[in-house]
N, C-alpha and C. Protein backbone atom coordinates (compact mmCIF):
# COMPACT_ATOMS: atom_id res chain seq x y z
N UNK A 1 -29.57 -38.68 -31.24
CA UNK A 1 -30.02 -37.34 -31.91
C UNK A 1 -29.45 -37.41 -33.29
N UNK A 2 -30.16 -37.10 -34.26
CA UNK A 2 -29.75 -37.21 -35.63
C UNK A 2 -29.03 -36.01 -36.03
N UNK A 3 -28.04 -36.11 -36.83
CA UNK A 3 -27.10 -35.04 -37.34
C UNK A 3 -27.78 -34.27 -38.48
N UNK A 4 -27.70 -32.99 -38.46
CA UNK A 4 -28.32 -32.22 -39.53
C UNK A 4 -27.33 -32.26 -40.78
N UNK A 5 -27.96 -32.19 -41.96
CA UNK A 5 -27.00 -32.22 -43.19
C UNK A 5 -26.33 -30.85 -43.17
N UNK A 6 -25.14 -30.73 -43.93
CA UNK A 6 -24.39 -29.53 -43.92
C UNK A 6 -25.25 -28.36 -44.62
N UNK A 7 -26.09 -28.65 -45.51
CA UNK A 7 -26.81 -27.57 -46.13
C UNK A 7 -27.73 -26.97 -45.13
N UNK A 8 -28.39 -27.76 -44.34
CA UNK A 8 -29.32 -27.30 -43.28
C UNK A 8 -28.60 -26.30 -42.31
N UNK A 9 -27.31 -26.83 -41.85
CA UNK A 9 -26.59 -26.00 -40.97
C UNK A 9 -26.17 -24.59 -41.56
N UNK A 10 -25.80 -24.67 -42.84
CA UNK A 10 -25.43 -23.52 -43.45
C UNK A 10 -26.59 -22.55 -43.69
N UNK A 11 -27.79 -23.04 -44.00
CA UNK A 11 -28.94 -22.28 -44.18
C UNK A 11 -29.33 -21.64 -42.86
N UNK A 12 -29.17 -22.44 -41.63
CA UNK A 12 -29.49 -21.96 -40.28
C UNK A 12 -28.44 -20.83 -39.93
N UNK A 13 -27.23 -20.98 -40.38
CA UNK A 13 -26.26 -19.88 -40.00
C UNK A 13 -26.49 -18.59 -40.89
N UNK A 14 -26.85 -18.70 -42.04
CA UNK A 14 -27.21 -17.60 -42.87
C UNK A 14 -28.41 -16.90 -42.44
N UNK A 15 -29.39 -17.60 -41.99
CA UNK A 15 -30.61 -17.07 -41.41
C UNK A 15 -30.32 -16.35 -40.10
N UNK A 16 -29.42 -16.92 -39.20
CA UNK A 16 -28.98 -16.30 -38.04
C UNK A 16 -28.25 -14.99 -38.34
N UNK A 17 -27.33 -14.95 -39.19
CA UNK A 17 -26.56 -13.70 -39.47
C UNK A 17 -27.48 -12.69 -40.11
N UNK A 18 -28.44 -12.99 -40.88
CA UNK A 18 -29.36 -12.03 -41.54
C UNK A 18 -30.14 -11.43 -40.40
N UNK A 19 -30.74 -12.27 -39.56
CA UNK A 19 -31.62 -11.78 -38.45
C UNK A 19 -30.87 -10.90 -37.44
N UNK A 20 -29.57 -11.11 -37.25
CA UNK A 20 -28.79 -10.21 -36.35
C UNK A 20 -28.35 -8.95 -36.88
N UNK A 21 -28.12 -9.00 -38.26
CA UNK A 21 -27.71 -7.85 -38.97
C UNK A 21 -28.76 -6.93 -39.53
N UNK A 22 -30.00 -7.31 -39.45
CA UNK A 22 -31.17 -6.50 -39.99
C UNK A 22 -31.23 -5.23 -39.21
N UNK A 23 -31.27 -5.14 -37.80
CA UNK A 23 -31.39 -3.81 -37.14
C UNK A 23 -30.33 -2.81 -37.58
N UNK A 24 -29.10 -3.32 -37.82
CA UNK A 24 -28.05 -2.36 -38.16
C UNK A 24 -28.34 -1.75 -39.67
N UNK A 25 -28.74 -2.54 -40.51
CA UNK A 25 -29.04 -2.25 -41.89
C UNK A 25 -30.20 -1.31 -41.94
N UNK A 26 -31.13 -1.36 -41.05
CA UNK A 26 -32.41 -0.64 -41.02
C UNK A 26 -32.03 0.86 -40.60
N UNK A 27 -31.00 1.07 -39.82
CA UNK A 27 -30.70 2.45 -39.38
C UNK A 27 -29.81 3.17 -40.31
N UNK A 28 -29.46 2.54 -41.48
CA UNK A 28 -28.55 3.25 -42.36
C UNK A 28 -29.23 4.04 -43.37
N UNK A 29 -29.57 5.33 -42.96
CA UNK A 29 -30.32 6.17 -43.91
C UNK A 29 -31.60 6.74 -43.27
N UNK A 30 -32.42 7.20 -44.21
CA UNK A 30 -33.62 7.70 -43.74
C UNK A 30 -33.58 9.13 -43.25
N UNK A 31 -34.44 9.48 -42.34
CA UNK A 31 -34.39 10.93 -41.95
C UNK A 31 -34.54 11.01 -40.34
N UNK A 32 -34.23 12.09 -39.89
CA UNK A 32 -34.30 12.33 -38.37
C UNK A 32 -34.90 13.63 -38.06
N UNK A 33 -35.46 13.79 -36.92
CA UNK A 33 -36.01 15.03 -36.48
C UNK A 33 -35.09 15.61 -35.39
N UNK A 34 -34.60 16.78 -35.48
CA UNK A 34 -33.67 17.41 -34.57
C UNK A 34 -34.49 18.06 -33.49
N UNK A 35 -34.22 17.69 -32.25
CA UNK A 35 -34.97 18.22 -31.08
C UNK A 35 -33.86 18.70 -30.09
N UNK A 36 -33.88 19.99 -29.83
CA UNK A 36 -32.83 20.43 -28.83
C UNK A 36 -32.79 19.85 -27.53
N UNK A 37 -31.73 19.70 -26.95
CA UNK A 37 -31.70 19.19 -25.54
C UNK A 37 -32.12 20.15 -24.51
N UNK A 38 -32.09 21.49 -24.83
CA UNK A 38 -32.42 22.43 -23.90
C UNK A 38 -33.18 23.49 -24.63
N UNK A 39 -34.37 23.81 -24.09
CA UNK A 39 -35.21 24.90 -24.92
C UNK A 39 -34.49 26.18 -24.92
N UNK A 40 -34.59 26.95 -26.10
CA UNK A 40 -34.01 28.19 -26.32
C UNK A 40 -32.70 28.25 -26.69
N UNK A 41 -31.90 27.09 -26.79
CA UNK A 41 -30.56 26.92 -27.37
C UNK A 41 -30.61 26.27 -28.65
N UNK A 42 -30.21 27.04 -29.77
CA UNK A 42 -30.48 26.47 -31.07
C UNK A 42 -29.39 25.50 -31.41
N UNK A 43 -29.75 24.59 -32.34
CA UNK A 43 -28.89 23.66 -32.89
C UNK A 43 -28.51 24.23 -34.25
N UNK A 44 -27.17 24.59 -34.49
CA UNK A 44 -26.62 25.20 -35.68
C UNK A 44 -25.77 24.16 -36.39
N UNK A 45 -26.11 23.98 -37.67
CA UNK A 45 -25.31 23.05 -38.46
C UNK A 45 -25.16 23.79 -39.76
N UNK A 46 -23.91 23.97 -40.22
CA UNK A 46 -23.49 24.68 -41.47
C UNK A 46 -24.16 26.08 -41.54
N UNK A 47 -24.25 26.75 -40.57
CA UNK A 47 -24.74 28.13 -40.52
C UNK A 47 -26.22 28.24 -40.53
N UNK A 48 -26.95 27.12 -40.34
CA UNK A 48 -28.48 27.16 -40.32
C UNK A 48 -28.98 26.65 -38.93
N UNK A 49 -29.98 27.19 -38.44
CA UNK A 49 -30.74 26.75 -37.28
C UNK A 49 -31.63 25.61 -37.60
N UNK A 50 -31.28 24.42 -37.20
CA UNK A 50 -32.08 23.29 -37.60
C UNK A 50 -32.88 22.72 -36.37
N UNK A 51 -33.10 23.53 -35.41
CA UNK A 51 -33.94 23.05 -34.34
C UNK A 51 -35.37 22.72 -34.80
N UNK A 52 -35.89 21.60 -34.42
CA UNK A 52 -37.27 21.10 -34.75
C UNK A 52 -37.46 21.08 -36.23
N UNK A 53 -36.44 20.53 -36.94
CA UNK A 53 -36.65 20.41 -38.39
C UNK A 53 -36.23 18.89 -38.77
N UNK A 54 -36.51 18.57 -40.01
CA UNK A 54 -36.22 17.21 -40.53
C UNK A 54 -34.77 17.33 -41.19
N UNK A 55 -34.05 16.30 -40.86
CA UNK A 55 -32.68 16.29 -41.48
C UNK A 55 -32.62 14.77 -42.25
N UNK A 56 -32.20 14.99 -43.44
CA UNK A 56 -32.19 13.72 -44.29
C UNK A 56 -30.83 13.51 -44.81
N UNK A 57 -30.38 12.21 -44.68
CA UNK A 57 -29.02 11.81 -45.25
C UNK A 57 -28.16 11.26 -44.17
N UNK A 58 -27.26 10.32 -44.48
CA UNK A 58 -26.30 9.85 -43.64
C UNK A 58 -25.11 10.87 -43.61
N UNK A 59 -24.79 11.23 -42.30
CA UNK A 59 -23.66 12.15 -42.15
C UNK A 59 -23.22 11.97 -40.71
N UNK A 60 -22.13 12.70 -40.44
CA UNK A 60 -21.46 12.57 -38.97
C UNK A 60 -20.34 11.78 -39.05
N UNK A 61 -19.88 11.47 -37.80
CA UNK A 61 -18.65 10.60 -37.63
C UNK A 61 -18.92 9.22 -37.96
N UNK A 62 -20.11 8.72 -38.15
CA UNK A 62 -20.32 7.24 -38.33
C UNK A 62 -20.07 6.87 -39.77
N UNK A 63 -19.91 7.77 -40.68
CA UNK A 63 -19.66 7.46 -42.10
C UNK A 63 -18.24 7.92 -42.54
N UNK A 64 -17.72 7.19 -43.41
CA UNK A 64 -16.35 7.55 -44.00
C UNK A 64 -16.47 8.42 -45.21
N UNK A 65 -17.56 8.91 -45.55
CA UNK A 65 -17.81 9.72 -46.79
C UNK A 65 -18.22 11.13 -46.32
N UNK A 66 -18.03 12.17 -47.13
CA UNK A 66 -18.34 13.41 -46.99
C UNK A 66 -19.57 13.71 -47.70
N UNK A 67 -20.72 13.83 -47.01
CA UNK A 67 -21.95 14.03 -47.60
C UNK A 67 -22.69 15.21 -46.87
N UNK A 68 -23.28 16.14 -47.56
CA UNK A 68 -24.00 17.23 -46.99
C UNK A 68 -25.42 16.77 -46.70
N UNK A 69 -25.89 17.00 -45.51
CA UNK A 69 -27.20 16.54 -45.16
C UNK A 69 -28.25 17.57 -45.75
N UNK A 70 -29.51 17.18 -45.87
CA UNK A 70 -30.53 17.99 -46.41
C UNK A 70 -31.39 18.36 -45.24
N UNK A 71 -31.70 19.66 -45.08
CA UNK A 71 -32.46 20.13 -43.99
C UNK A 71 -33.83 20.68 -44.59
N UNK A 72 -34.96 20.31 -44.02
CA UNK A 72 -36.25 20.71 -44.32
C UNK A 72 -36.85 21.55 -43.22
N UNK A 73 -37.01 22.86 -43.54
CA UNK A 73 -37.64 23.75 -42.51
C UNK A 73 -36.60 24.49 -41.73
N UNK A 74 -35.37 24.58 -42.14
CA UNK A 74 -34.47 25.28 -41.40
C UNK A 74 -34.41 26.70 -41.80
N UNK A 75 -33.70 27.65 -41.04
CA UNK A 75 -33.55 29.04 -41.47
C UNK A 75 -32.05 29.39 -41.24
N UNK A 76 -31.52 30.31 -42.02
CA UNK A 76 -30.15 30.85 -41.80
C UNK A 76 -30.01 31.62 -40.50
N UNK A 77 -28.84 31.45 -39.95
CA UNK A 77 -28.57 32.30 -38.66
C UNK A 77 -27.87 33.51 -39.04
N UNK A 78 -28.40 34.64 -38.52
CA UNK A 78 -27.72 35.97 -38.85
C UNK A 78 -26.93 36.25 -37.58
N UNK A 79 -25.59 36.41 -37.80
CA UNK A 79 -24.73 36.83 -36.70
C UNK A 79 -24.55 38.22 -36.69
N UNK A 80 -24.39 38.95 -35.48
CA UNK A 80 -24.29 40.44 -35.48
C UNK A 80 -22.92 40.68 -36.11
N UNK A 81 -23.04 41.92 -36.81
CA UNK A 81 -21.76 42.50 -37.33
C UNK A 81 -20.90 43.04 -36.22
N UNK A 82 -19.72 42.63 -36.32
CA UNK A 82 -18.64 43.06 -35.24
C UNK A 82 -17.72 44.09 -35.88
N UNK A 83 -17.65 45.17 -35.38
CA UNK A 83 -16.76 46.28 -35.76
C UNK A 83 -15.29 45.97 -35.41
N UNK A 84 -14.37 46.72 -35.92
CA UNK A 84 -13.00 46.53 -35.65
C UNK A 84 -12.41 47.80 -35.12
N UNK A 85 -11.52 47.68 -34.19
CA UNK A 85 -10.94 48.94 -33.71
C UNK A 85 -9.44 48.87 -33.91
N UNK A 86 -9.03 49.95 -34.52
CA UNK A 86 -7.55 50.02 -34.81
C UNK A 86 -7.07 51.25 -34.07
N UNK A 87 -6.11 51.10 -33.17
CA UNK A 87 -5.68 52.19 -32.27
C UNK A 87 -4.95 53.22 -33.19
N UNK A 88 -4.44 52.94 -34.31
CA UNK A 88 -3.83 54.01 -35.14
C UNK A 88 -4.69 54.97 -35.84
N UNK A 89 -6.07 54.67 -35.74
CA UNK A 89 -6.99 55.63 -36.45
C UNK A 89 -7.59 56.60 -35.51
N UNK A 90 -7.04 56.76 -34.21
CA UNK A 90 -7.53 57.66 -33.20
C UNK A 90 -9.01 57.77 -33.01
N UNK A 91 -9.64 56.56 -33.27
CA UNK A 91 -11.14 56.51 -32.87
C UNK A 91 -11.41 55.65 -31.78
N UNK A 92 -12.30 55.95 -31.01
CA UNK A 92 -12.70 55.14 -29.82
C UNK A 92 -13.69 53.97 -30.39
N UNK A 93 -13.61 52.71 -29.77
CA UNK A 93 -14.35 51.75 -30.18
C UNK A 93 -15.70 51.99 -29.81
N UNK A 94 -16.74 51.42 -30.59
CA UNK A 94 -18.10 51.61 -30.36
C UNK A 94 -18.72 50.71 -29.25
N UNK A 95 -17.95 49.90 -28.68
CA UNK A 95 -18.48 48.99 -27.61
C UNK A 95 -17.24 48.69 -26.82
N UNK A 96 -17.45 48.04 -25.70
CA UNK A 96 -16.39 47.56 -24.82
C UNK A 96 -16.09 48.62 -23.66
N UNK A 97 -14.82 48.54 -23.02
CA UNK A 97 -14.53 49.17 -22.01
C UNK A 97 -14.14 50.64 -22.39
N UNK A 98 -14.53 51.61 -21.74
CA UNK A 98 -14.28 53.03 -22.09
C UNK A 98 -13.19 53.44 -20.94
N UNK A 99 -11.95 53.65 -21.30
CA UNK A 99 -10.98 53.96 -20.34
C UNK A 99 -10.69 55.42 -20.44
N UNK A 100 -10.72 56.04 -19.16
CA UNK A 100 -10.50 57.48 -18.99
C UNK A 100 -9.15 57.73 -18.22
N UNK A 101 -8.18 58.42 -18.80
CA UNK A 101 -7.00 58.71 -18.24
C UNK A 101 -7.16 59.74 -17.08
N UNK A 102 -6.69 59.31 -15.84
CA UNK A 102 -6.91 60.22 -14.68
C UNK A 102 -5.90 61.42 -14.70
N UNK A 103 -6.29 62.53 -14.21
CA UNK A 103 -5.19 63.66 -14.18
C UNK A 103 -4.02 63.18 -13.38
N UNK A 104 -2.90 63.95 -13.64
CA UNK A 104 -1.62 63.58 -12.96
C UNK A 104 -1.58 64.04 -11.62
N UNK A 105 -2.34 65.18 -11.25
CA UNK A 105 -2.29 65.69 -9.90
C UNK A 105 -3.38 65.31 -9.05
N UNK A 106 -3.92 63.98 -9.27
CA UNK A 106 -5.03 63.44 -8.50
C UNK A 106 -4.57 62.96 -7.15
N UNK A 107 -5.51 62.81 -6.17
CA UNK A 107 -5.13 62.27 -4.90
C UNK A 107 -4.98 60.76 -4.99
N UNK A 108 -3.84 60.14 -4.62
CA UNK A 108 -3.61 58.71 -4.72
C UNK A 108 -4.26 58.00 -3.52
N UNK A 109 -4.72 56.89 -3.77
CA UNK A 109 -5.28 56.04 -2.54
C UNK A 109 -4.12 55.64 -1.66
N UNK A 110 -4.50 55.33 -0.40
CA UNK A 110 -3.48 54.81 0.54
C UNK A 110 -2.84 53.51 -0.03
N UNK A 111 -1.50 53.34 0.37
CA UNK A 111 -0.93 51.97 -0.04
C UNK A 111 -1.53 50.87 0.72
N UNK A 112 -1.42 49.73 0.06
CA UNK A 112 -2.11 48.47 0.69
C UNK A 112 -1.04 48.07 1.81
N UNK A 113 -1.59 47.29 2.79
CA UNK A 113 -0.83 46.85 3.89
C UNK A 113 0.12 45.68 3.33
N UNK A 114 1.13 45.43 3.98
CA UNK A 114 2.14 44.48 3.44
C UNK A 114 1.52 43.04 3.83
N UNK A 115 1.95 42.15 3.06
CA UNK A 115 1.26 40.75 3.22
C UNK A 115 2.40 39.76 2.77
N UNK A 116 2.52 38.78 3.62
CA UNK A 116 3.62 37.78 3.38
C UNK A 116 3.10 36.36 3.78
N UNK A 117 3.24 35.44 2.92
CA UNK A 117 2.86 34.03 3.29
C UNK A 117 3.88 33.21 2.77
N UNK A 118 4.23 32.09 3.40
CA UNK A 118 5.09 31.11 2.91
C UNK A 118 4.66 29.62 3.32
N UNK A 119 5.25 28.80 2.67
CA UNK A 119 5.00 27.31 2.98
C UNK A 119 6.33 26.61 3.05
N UNK A 120 6.43 25.58 3.85
CA UNK A 120 7.63 24.79 3.90
C UNK A 120 7.33 23.32 3.73
N UNK A 121 8.22 22.56 3.20
CA UNK A 121 7.90 21.15 3.11
C UNK A 121 9.11 20.38 3.63
N UNK A 122 8.85 19.41 4.51
CA UNK A 122 9.99 18.65 5.05
C UNK A 122 9.55 17.12 4.93
N UNK A 123 10.56 16.31 4.82
CA UNK A 123 10.30 14.92 4.84
C UNK A 123 9.98 14.44 6.38
N UNK A 124 9.32 13.33 6.40
CA UNK A 124 9.03 12.86 7.89
C UNK A 124 10.35 12.27 8.45
N UNK A 125 10.63 12.42 9.70
CA UNK A 125 11.78 11.84 10.18
C UNK A 125 11.68 10.26 10.15
N UNK A 126 12.82 9.67 10.12
CA UNK A 126 12.72 8.08 9.98
C UNK A 126 12.15 7.58 11.24
N UNK A 127 11.19 6.59 11.05
CA UNK A 127 10.50 5.87 12.10
C UNK A 127 11.35 4.80 12.60
N UNK A 128 11.18 4.40 13.90
CA UNK A 128 12.00 3.33 14.42
C UNK A 128 11.57 1.96 13.73
N UNK A 129 12.47 1.20 13.53
CA UNK A 129 12.13 -0.14 12.75
C UNK A 129 12.08 -1.25 13.83
N UNK A 130 11.41 -2.30 13.53
CA UNK A 130 11.43 -3.52 14.40
C UNK A 130 12.71 -4.17 14.18
N UNK A 131 13.23 -4.78 15.22
CA UNK A 131 14.54 -5.55 15.15
C UNK A 131 14.41 -6.60 14.03
N UNK A 132 15.51 -6.84 13.33
CA UNK A 132 15.41 -7.81 12.28
C UNK A 132 15.27 -9.13 12.79
N UNK A 133 14.59 -9.98 11.89
CA UNK A 133 14.43 -11.46 12.24
C UNK A 133 15.76 -12.20 12.15
N UNK A 134 16.10 -13.07 12.89
CA UNK A 134 17.38 -13.71 12.69
C UNK A 134 17.30 -14.63 11.37
N UNK A 135 18.35 -14.76 10.76
CA UNK A 135 18.35 -15.60 9.45
C UNK A 135 18.08 -17.06 9.74
N UNK A 136 18.43 -17.54 10.89
CA UNK A 136 18.33 -18.89 11.24
C UNK A 136 17.53 -18.97 12.52
N UNK A 137 16.06 -18.92 12.37
CA UNK A 137 15.33 -18.98 13.65
C UNK A 137 15.54 -20.27 14.43
N UNK A 138 15.31 -20.29 15.70
CA UNK A 138 15.46 -21.55 16.46
C UNK A 138 14.40 -22.62 16.11
N UNK A 139 14.82 -23.84 16.20
CA UNK A 139 13.86 -24.94 15.74
C UNK A 139 12.97 -25.13 16.81
N UNK A 140 11.67 -25.56 16.44
CA UNK A 140 10.62 -25.73 17.32
C UNK A 140 10.35 -27.27 17.27
N UNK A 141 10.30 -27.85 18.35
CA UNK A 141 10.07 -29.22 18.38
C UNK A 141 8.86 -29.58 19.25
N UNK A 142 7.85 -30.24 18.72
CA UNK A 142 6.73 -30.65 19.54
C UNK A 142 6.83 -32.16 19.75
N UNK A 143 6.96 -32.52 21.07
CA UNK A 143 7.05 -33.83 21.47
C UNK A 143 5.84 -34.20 22.12
N UNK A 144 5.49 -35.53 22.04
CA UNK A 144 4.31 -36.00 22.83
C UNK A 144 4.71 -36.03 24.32
N UNK A 145 3.69 -35.80 25.05
CA UNK A 145 3.88 -35.76 26.54
C UNK A 145 4.25 -37.22 27.05
N UNK A 146 5.28 -37.29 27.95
CA UNK A 146 5.71 -38.63 28.55
C UNK A 146 5.57 -38.41 30.11
N UNK A 147 5.44 -39.57 30.70
CA UNK A 147 5.44 -39.52 32.06
C UNK A 147 6.89 -39.68 32.53
N UNK A 148 7.08 -39.59 33.84
CA UNK A 148 8.52 -39.66 34.40
C UNK A 148 9.19 -41.02 34.11
N UNK A 149 8.46 -41.95 33.87
CA UNK A 149 9.07 -43.37 33.69
C UNK A 149 9.46 -43.51 32.23
N UNK A 150 9.14 -42.60 31.30
CA UNK A 150 9.48 -42.74 29.86
C UNK A 150 8.37 -43.28 29.06
N UNK A 151 7.13 -43.58 29.74
CA UNK A 151 6.05 -44.09 29.01
C UNK A 151 5.06 -42.97 28.61
N UNK A 152 4.19 -43.30 27.68
CA UNK A 152 3.19 -42.23 27.27
C UNK A 152 2.15 -41.93 28.35
N UNK A 153 1.62 -40.81 28.43
CA UNK A 153 0.58 -40.56 29.36
C UNK A 153 -0.86 -41.01 28.72
N UNK A 154 -1.80 -41.13 29.53
CA UNK A 154 -3.14 -41.49 29.08
C UNK A 154 -3.63 -40.46 28.19
N UNK A 155 -4.60 -40.79 27.12
CA UNK A 155 -5.18 -39.72 26.21
C UNK A 155 -5.99 -38.63 26.85
N UNK A 156 -6.54 -38.87 28.14
CA UNK A 156 -7.29 -37.86 28.74
C UNK A 156 -6.53 -36.99 29.60
N UNK A 157 -5.14 -37.12 29.56
CA UNK A 157 -4.32 -36.27 30.40
C UNK A 157 -4.22 -34.77 29.86
N UNK A 158 -4.50 -33.86 30.75
CA UNK A 158 -4.35 -32.40 30.34
C UNK A 158 -3.13 -31.88 30.93
N UNK A 159 -2.30 -31.37 30.16
CA UNK A 159 -1.07 -30.75 30.66
C UNK A 159 -1.26 -29.33 31.08
N UNK A 160 -0.19 -28.68 31.46
CA UNK A 160 -0.37 -27.35 31.91
C UNK A 160 -0.72 -26.40 30.81
N UNK A 161 -1.53 -25.35 31.11
CA UNK A 161 -1.91 -24.36 30.06
C UNK A 161 -1.28 -23.07 30.28
N UNK A 162 -1.07 -22.35 29.26
CA UNK A 162 -0.62 -21.03 29.39
C UNK A 162 0.49 -20.80 28.64
């Protein structure tokens, strides 16, 4: 197999790097259409409802620069005016809970029955342990079977089982 010259290898490497980086460069900019994930729930960016609008410009956490996006077709969001209640002004709030002070001589409800509940935690009693293994276990010797005369038994001999 013939070796490629260094310039051909360098050109092939540059071509490979350009081809793999092209999709990343193609997504850097342009515009996007904002479609809500749930119907009826608006997408609000910078105080504007941008649901179903076109957003132009790189922005968000993917960029290290602070750039304001451009919205085409958005409308401002009007939030309801919320009043304030200051107890020192002796005025009742226009919304919320209306509290009425009961008279002092009213009939009180019957007291609730007593209730008590408690929990206890104990550790489990120690379990019996197995006897410890001796530090020096007995030696096991496997010896070949011998007949009574001191000679070896035939290879088809079957000794006691069990």
